[in-house]
């Protein structure tokens, strides 16, 4: 995620004052490094990736050598993944090619990083003029991306599956918020993967989950009664995703009752239920994996 990467850049600059940033600004074919892939190299650490393999190893060594030299202006290196190429061979044979931009970053970039890490949506431009949130005029080469909205997952249900799902999503660039109506729930107290956790009254759950195109709602409460309360309060609101855990029989009965009570069929059709990708999951973590996979699919297919 762009914001998480630049948080790391900010941290390393504070600690070491200088780093080399590599950004894939173009790619073709089966290149392992795609546009937007990034990697930082400093005297003490590395973070991110530009595609891996022997190519990445070679370019990391090159970036390390740049740290021993005077500061430089941005430049690019082409890498062709074909050993028969007359020049710019990457050492890999997966075909395709990619172009990597090199930036010498120091404290002068702090203001740009602050803009990237702000709550506002900004466009980041990588070009021969440097890294900027202002579009360059007539660049020789350029790649642009946004800092992106934080993807927020609201897990309604602090039980075992909610705990497992929180752990998995914490590694997948989701900001996680946990909601339950039960006091002193041991699995909720053990959940250290979330940004916030609240004990609430489900009758007012709509006041605790904002609408938005970056909001994913995962309903996995204690049972039918609480699921019914929750879905009635949230149905028809604008979310990126809303899904409900439960057997096909339970979901069918619940939705039939909602239709009888006048709830819109079109709104019900937008609920992913039973939740998750069908991988014949049985255990707690298998269920969590199936749900996480569905959220990733929804997130990535509309990027």
Protein backbone atom coordinates (compact mmCIF):
# COMPACT_ATOMS: atom_id res chain seq x y z
CA UNK A 1 0.00 0.00 0.00
CA UNK A 2 1.36 3.42 -0.96
CA UNK A 3 0.74 5.06 2.42
CA UNK A 4 2.34 2.22 4.39
CA UNK A 5 5.38 2.31 2.13
CA UNK A 6 5.88 6.04 2.63
CA UNK A 7 5.46 5.68 6.38
CA UNK A 8 8.46 3.38 6.21
CA UNK A 9 10.33 5.87 4.01
CA UNK A 10 9.64 8.60 6.56
CA UNK A 11 10.86 6.40 9.39
CA UNK A 12 14.10 5.44 7.62
CA UNK A 13 14.84 9.05 6.68
CA UNK A 14 14.39 10.07 10.30
CA UNK A 15 16.79 7.34 11.40
CA UNK A 16 19.41 7.44 8.63
CA UNK A 17 18.91 10.76 6.78
CA UNK A 18 19.41 9.25 3.32
CA UNK A 19 18.09 6.35 1.23
CA UNK A 20 17.79 5.22 -2.37
CA UNK A 21 14.25 4.73 -3.65
CA UNK A 22 13.63 2.46 -6.64
CA UNK A 23 10.25 2.71 -8.40
CA UNK A 24 9.02 0.61 -11.32
CA UNK A 25 7.69 3.28 -13.69
CA UNK A 26 6.91 1.01 -16.67
CA UNK A 27 6.56 -2.69 -17.45
CA UNK A 28 5.63 -4.94 -20.36
CA UNK A 29 4.77 -8.61 -20.79
CA UNK A 30 5.49 -11.09 -17.99
CA UNK A 31 7.71 -8.75 -16.03
CA UNK A 32 7.70 -9.69 -12.31
CA UNK A 33 7.92 -6.02 -11.37
CA UNK A 34 4.77 -4.03 -12.13
CA UNK A 35 4.24 -0.29 -12.34
CA UNK A 36 4.16 1.13 -8.85
CA UNK A 37 6.35 -1.53 -7.23
CA UNK A 38 8.81 0.19 -4.90
CA UNK A 39 11.84 -0.60 -2.82
CA UNK A 40 14.00 1.46 -0.51
CA UNK A 41 17.63 0.76 0.23
CA UNK A 42 19.58 2.48 3.01
CA UNK A 43 22.84 1.74 4.80
CA UNK A 44 21.00 -0.34 7.39
CA UNK A 45 17.90 -1.83 5.77
CA UNK A 46 15.79 -2.69 2.75
CA UNK A 47 12.01 -2.59 2.36
CA UNK A 48 9.59 -3.38 -0.47
CA UNK A 49 10.22 -5.09 -3.78
CA UNK A 50 10.75 -4.29 -7.46
CA UNK A 51 10.07 -7.84 -8.61
CA UNK A 52 12.49 -10.11 -6.81
CA UNK A 53 14.99 -12.63 -8.16
CA UNK A 54 18.49 -12.03 -9.43
CA UNK A 55 17.42 -8.71 -10.95
CA UNK A 56 16.39 -7.29 -7.59
CA UNK A 57 19.55 -8.61 -5.93
CA UNK A 58 21.69 -6.96 -8.59
CA UNK A 59 19.89 -3.61 -8.38
CA UNK A 60 19.96 -3.60 -4.58
CA UNK A 61 23.74 -3.94 -4.75
CA UNK A 62 23.80 -1.11 -7.28
CA UNK A 63 21.65 1.08 -5.02
CA UNK A 64 23.95 0.34 -2.08
CA UNK A 65 26.90 1.49 -4.15
CA UNK A 66 25.10 4.79 -4.87
CA UNK A 67 24.96 5.51 -1.15
CA UNK A 68 28.76 5.70 -1.13
CA UNK A 69 28.77 8.30 -3.91
CA UNK A 70 27.73 11.98 -4.16
CA UNK A 71 24.05 12.79 -4.48
CA UNK A 72 22.53 12.33 -7.92
CA UNK A 73 19.62 13.42 -10.07
CA UNK A 74 16.81 10.92 -10.88
CA UNK A 75 17.57 8.41 -13.62
CA UNK A 76 16.11 5.19 -15.01
CA UNK A 77 17.44 1.72 -15.81
CA UNK A 78 15.75 -0.65 -18.27
CA UNK A 79 15.67 -4.35 -17.45
CA UNK A 80 14.87 -6.94 -20.13
CA UNK A 81 14.03 -10.42 -18.85
CA UNK A 82 15.56 -12.28 -21.77
CA UNK A 83 19.14 -13.55 -21.91
CA UNK A 84 19.23 -13.09 -25.68
CA UNK A 85 18.68 -9.32 -25.37
CA UNK A 86 21.66 -7.34 -26.75
CA UNK A 87 21.71 -5.08 -23.67
CA UNK A 88 19.94 -4.32 -20.36
CA UNK A 89 19.64 -8.00 -19.45
CA UNK A 90 18.14 -8.47 -16.01
CA UNK A 91 19.46 -12.00 -15.54
CA UNK A 92 15.92 -13.39 -15.51
CA UNK A 93 14.23 -15.39 -18.28
CA UNK A 94 10.53 -14.76 -17.63
CA UNK A 95 10.25 -12.50 -20.71
CA UNK A 96 8.88 -8.97 -20.60
CA UNK A 97 10.72 -5.91 -19.40
CA UNK A 98 10.52 -3.15 -16.83
CA UNK A 99 11.94 0.28 -16.18
CA UNK A 100 13.12 1.31 -12.73
CA UNK A 101 13.58 4.91 -11.60
CA UNK A 102 16.23 5.73 -9.00
CA UNK A 103 15.79 8.57 -6.51
CA UNK A 104 18.28 9.89 -3.97
CA UNK A 105 16.07 10.81 -1.00
CA UNK A 106 16.96 12.94 2.01
CA UNK A 107 15.23 15.40 4.32
CA UNK A 108 14.32 17.62 1.35
CA UNK A 109 11.53 15.11 0.59
CA UNK A 110 9.86 15.51 4.00
CA UNK A 111 7.23 17.97 2.77
CA UNK A 112 6.24 15.70 -0.13
CA UNK A 113 6.02 12.71 2.21
CA UNK A 114 3.80 14.69 4.58
CA UNK A 115 1.44 15.42 1.67
CA UNK A 116 1.38 11.75 0.69
CA UNK A 117 0.59 10.73 4.28
CA UNK A 118 -2.13 13.35 4.74
CA UNK A 119 -5.85 12.52 4.90
CA UNK A 120 -6.31 14.04 1.44
CA UNK A 121 -6.23 12.13 -1.82
CA UNK A 122 -3.16 13.25 -3.76
CA UNK A 123 -1.50 12.17 -6.99
CA UNK A 124 2.19 11.32 -6.78
CA UNK A 125 4.24 12.00 -9.91
CA UNK A 126 7.55 10.21 -10.52
CA UNK A 127 9.61 11.74 -13.31
CA UNK A 128 13.07 12.87 -14.29
CA UNK A 129 12.32 16.02 -12.29
CA UNK A 130 11.86 14.07 -9.05
CA UNK A 131 8.91 13.02 -6.89
CA UNK A 132 6.14 15.58 -6.56
CA UNK A 133 2.42 15.99 -5.94
CA UNK A 134 2.40 18.63 -8.69
CA UNK A 135 2.34 17.42 -12.30
CA UNK A 136 5.69 18.08 -14.03
CA UNK A 137 5.86 20.06 -17.24
CA UNK A 138 7.10 18.11 -20.28
CA UNK A 139 8.89 15.29 -18.45
CA UNK A 140 11.17 12.91 -20.35
CA UNK A 141 9.58 9.98 -18.50
CA UNK A 142 6.81 9.80 -15.93
CA UNK A 143 4.63 7.51 -13.82
CA UNK A 144 1.76 8.70 -11.62
CA UNK A 145 -0.30 7.07 -8.86
CA UNK A 146 -2.57 8.17 -6.02
CA UNK A 147 -1.87 7.71 -2.34
CA UNK A 148 -5.18 5.83 -2.22
CA UNK A 149 -7.93 5.61 0.35
CA UNK A 150 -7.27 3.50 3.42
CA UNK A 151 -9.27 0.28 3.07
CA UNK A 152 -11.28 -0.08 6.29
CA UNK A 153 -12.69 -3.44 7.40
CA UNK A 154 -15.41 -3.40 10.06
CA UNK A 155 -15.70 -6.86 11.59
CA UNK A 156 -18.97 -7.26 13.48
CA UNK A 157 -18.38 -10.13 15.86
CA UNK A 158 -15.41 -10.58 18.16
CA UNK A 159 -15.41 -14.38 18.34
CA UNK A 160 -12.85 -16.90 17.11
CA UNK A 161 -13.43 -16.28 13.40
CA UNK A 162 -13.31 -12.53 13.95
CA UNK A 163 -9.97 -12.93 15.72
CA UNK A 164 -8.55 -15.11 12.94
CA UNK A 165 -9.81 -12.76 10.22
CA UNK A 166 -8.32 -9.75 12.03
CA UNK A 167 -4.93 -11.45 12.11
CA UNK A 168 -5.00 -12.22 8.39
CA UNK A 169 -6.30 -8.80 7.30
CA UNK A 170 -3.66 -7.06 9.43
CA UNK A 171 -1.08 -8.39 6.96
CA UNK A 172 -3.07 -7.30 3.91
CA UNK A 173 -3.18 -3.48 4.15
CA UNK A 174 -6.60 -3.22 5.81
CA UNK A 175 -7.35 -0.89 8.70
CA UNK A 176 -9.44 -3.09 11.00
CA UNK A 177 -12.21 -2.09 13.39
CA UNK A 178 -13.90 -4.65 15.63
CA UNK A 179 -17.43 -4.40 17.03
CA UNK A 180 -19.35 -6.69 19.40
CA UNK A 181 -22.18 -6.41 21.93
CA UNK A 182 -20.66 -8.76 24.53
CA UNK A 183 -18.68 -7.48 27.49
CA UNK A 184 -15.39 -9.14 28.56
CA UNK A 185 -15.24 -11.46 25.55
CA UNK A 186 -11.91 -13.31 25.81
CA UNK A 187 -11.32 -13.53 22.05
CA UNK A 188 -12.00 -9.82 21.69
CA UNK A 189 -9.62 -8.97 24.53
CA UNK A 190 -6.97 -11.17 22.85
CA UNK A 191 -7.37 -9.36 19.53
CA UNK A 192 -4.35 -7.07 19.14
CA UNK A 193 -4.54 -6.87 15.35
CA UNK A 194 -7.22 -4.18 15.10
CA UNK A 195 -6.99 -0.41 15.20
CA UNK A 196 -10.12 -0.04 17.34
CA UNK A 197 -12.49 -2.35 19.18
CA UNK A 198 -15.78 -1.37 20.78
CA UNK A 199 -18.57 -3.01 22.74
CA UNK A 200 -21.78 -1.50 21.37
CA UNK A 201 -25.53 -1.98 21.16
CA UNK A 202 -26.27 -3.54 17.77
CA UNK A 203 -29.51 -1.58 17.66
CA UNK A 204 -27.38 1.49 16.89
CA UNK A 205 -24.67 -0.15 14.82
CA UNK A 206 -25.20 2.23 11.90
CA UNK A 207 -23.72 4.98 14.08
CA UNK A 208 -20.44 3.07 14.37
CA UNK A 209 -19.80 2.18 10.72
CA UNK A 210 -19.38 5.02 8.19
CA UNK A 211 -20.51 4.66 4.61
CA UNK A 212 -17.86 4.83 1.92
CA UNK A 213 -16.26 3.24 -1.11
CA UNK A 214 -13.36 2.12 1.08
CA UNK A 215 -15.48 0.45 3.77
CA UNK A 216 -15.87 -3.34 4.02
CA UNK A 217 -18.44 -4.73 6.46
CA UNK A 218 -18.05 -8.32 7.63
CA UNK A 219 -20.95 -9.62 9.74
CA UNK A 220 -20.08 -12.65 11.86
CA UNK A 221 -22.00 -12.08 15.06
CA UNK A 222 -23.07 -14.63 17.71
CA UNK A 223 -26.19 -15.93 15.93
CA UNK A 224 -29.33 -15.46 13.89
CA UNK A 225 -30.97 -12.93 16.19
CA UNK A 226 -28.02 -10.55 16.23
CA UNK A 227 -27.38 -11.01 12.50
CA UNK A 228 -31.00 -10.03 11.88
CA UNK A 229 -30.66 -6.85 13.97
CA UNK A 230 -27.40 -5.88 12.26
CA UNK A 231 -28.43 -6.43 8.65
CA UNK A 232 -31.70 -4.53 9.14
CA UNK A 233 -29.72 -1.49 10.34
CA UNK A 234 -27.10 -1.62 7.58
CA UNK A 235 -28.99 -2.84 4.52
CA UNK A 236 -29.06 -0.32 1.68
CA UNK A 237 -26.16 1.76 2.96
CA UNK A 238 -23.22 2.51 0.66
CA UNK A 239 -20.30 0.21 1.36
CA UNK A 240 -17.59 -1.23 -0.84
CA UNK A 241 -18.55 -4.64 0.49
CA UNK A 242 -20.99 -6.17 2.95
CA UNK A 243 -21.08 -9.87 3.72
CA UNK A 244 -22.56 -12.21 6.31
CA UNK A 245 -21.26 -15.44 7.79
CA UNK A 246 -23.68 -18.34 8.10
CA UNK A 247 -25.06 -21.47 6.55
CA UNK A 248 -26.99 -21.32 3.28
CA UNK A 249 -30.13 -22.40 5.15
CA UNK A 250 -29.82 -19.63 7.73
CA UNK A 251 -29.17 -17.00 5.08
CA UNK A 252 -32.15 -18.16 3.02
CA UNK A 253 -34.50 -17.94 6.01
CA UNK A 254 -33.16 -14.57 7.10
CA UNK A 255 -33.42 -13.02 3.64
CA UNK A 256 -36.92 -14.43 3.11
CA UNK A 257 -38.06 -12.76 6.34
CA UNK A 258 -36.46 -9.48 5.29
CA UNK A 259 -38.26 -9.58 1.95
CA UNK A 260 -41.55 -10.29 3.75
CA UNK A 261 -40.92 -7.21 5.89
CA UNK A 262 -40.47 -5.07 2.79
CA UNK A 263 -36.70 -4.87 2.44
CA UNK A 264 -35.49 -4.24 -1.11
CA UNK A 265 -34.45 -7.36 -3.07
CA UNK A 266 -31.82 -5.37 -4.95
CA UNK A 267 -30.19 -4.34 -1.66
CA UNK A 268 -30.26 -7.94 -0.43
CA UNK A 269 -28.64 -9.10 -3.65
CA UNK A 270 -25.61 -6.93 -2.87
CA UNK A 271 -24.92 -8.81 0.36
CA UNK A 272 -22.28 -11.52 0.01
CA UNK A 273 -23.89 -14.40 1.86
CA UNK A 274 -22.85 -16.95 2.78
CA UNK A 275 -19.64 -14.96 3.06
CA UNK A 276 -16.29 -15.97 1.59
CA UNK A 277 -14.93 -17.77 -1.44
CA UNK A 278 -15.97 -21.43 -1.56
CA UNK A 279 -12.87 -23.42 -0.64
CA UNK A 280 -14.78 -26.04 1.38
CA UNK A 281 -13.49 -24.37 4.52
CA UNK A 282 -14.17 -26.02 7.88
CA UNK A 283 -11.74 -24.69 10.48
CA UNK A 284 -11.71 -21.18 11.93
CA UNK A 285 -8.65 -20.12 9.95
CA UNK A 286 -9.92 -21.71 6.74
CA UNK A 287 -13.10 -19.65 7.05
CA UNK A 288 -11.03 -16.53 7.74
CA UNK A 289 -8.86 -17.22 4.69
CA UNK A 290 -11.93 -17.60 2.47
CA UNK A 291 -13.36 -14.29 3.69
CA UNK A 292 -10.03 -12.49 3.33
CA UNK A 293 -9.67 -13.81 -0.22
CA UNK A 294 -13.10 -12.44 -1.11
CA UNK A 295 -12.23 -9.02 0.28
CA UNK A 296 -8.96 -8.98 -1.67
CA UNK A 297 -10.79 -9.92 -4.84
CA UNK A 298 -13.33 -7.10 -4.40
CA UNK A 299 -10.59 -4.61 -3.55
CA UNK A 300 -8.28 -5.50 -6.43
CA UNK A 301 -10.80 -5.94 -9.24
CA UNK A 302 -11.88 -2.31 -9.03
CA UNK A 303 -8.48 -0.68 -8.62
